[in-house]
Amino acid sequence: MNGSRQGWASKGVPMRRLQALLLAALVSFGATGAWAQDDDRGRRLELATRFVELSMGEELPRMIDQLIEEELAAAPDMPQDERDWMRRNMPTLTLTMVEDIGRQLGPIYADAFTADELEALIDFYATPMGRSIATKQFAINANSQDVVAGALLRFLENLETKFCAEFDCADVPTIVPSGK
């Protein structure tokens, strides 16, 4: 390999599919149901929407505020006007993003689970234990992003190294860490 080595993305390696597959595998550590085969998709979609709402937890706005404060605490050199802007705008922007993700997840859950499975999930997440788990799961997901991002970066760097050792990657940009 030489210093002008190119990355493997332009060589036809299906990066977007690979990244989507890896993300799906990483996110699906929890239980998943068999793909629903019944024809009551409308009802499943309604149930899935309710499940997604419950699984996000009722403490979501408070937790978003807490995460923002943690991020601000980790940036002591940020000017006060920027801190104020973040406190005013980030909660609404973040909640909007999370709600959008929830709307997009509904059909995925509706296709994956039967109505009975969705009802069981709703029944569980409506309990105090289920609400507690939903709150903790949100915090775990937020705190595990660095782990997932680091693992994905290491995987992609390793894949690129091995691919470019085998094939000519002279004209493709390499994957480099962000410098953080």
Foldseek 3Di string as FASTA:
>chain_A
DDPLFAFCVVVPDPVVVVVVVLVVVVVPPDDFAAFDDDDPLVLLLVLLLLLLVLLLAPCNLVVQLVVLVVVCVVCVPDDPVVNVVCNVPVSVVVVVVSVVVSNVCSSVNSRGDDSVVSVVSNVQSVDPVNNVVSVVVNVCVVVCPVVSVVVVLVVSLVVRVVVCVVPGRNNHHHDDDPPD
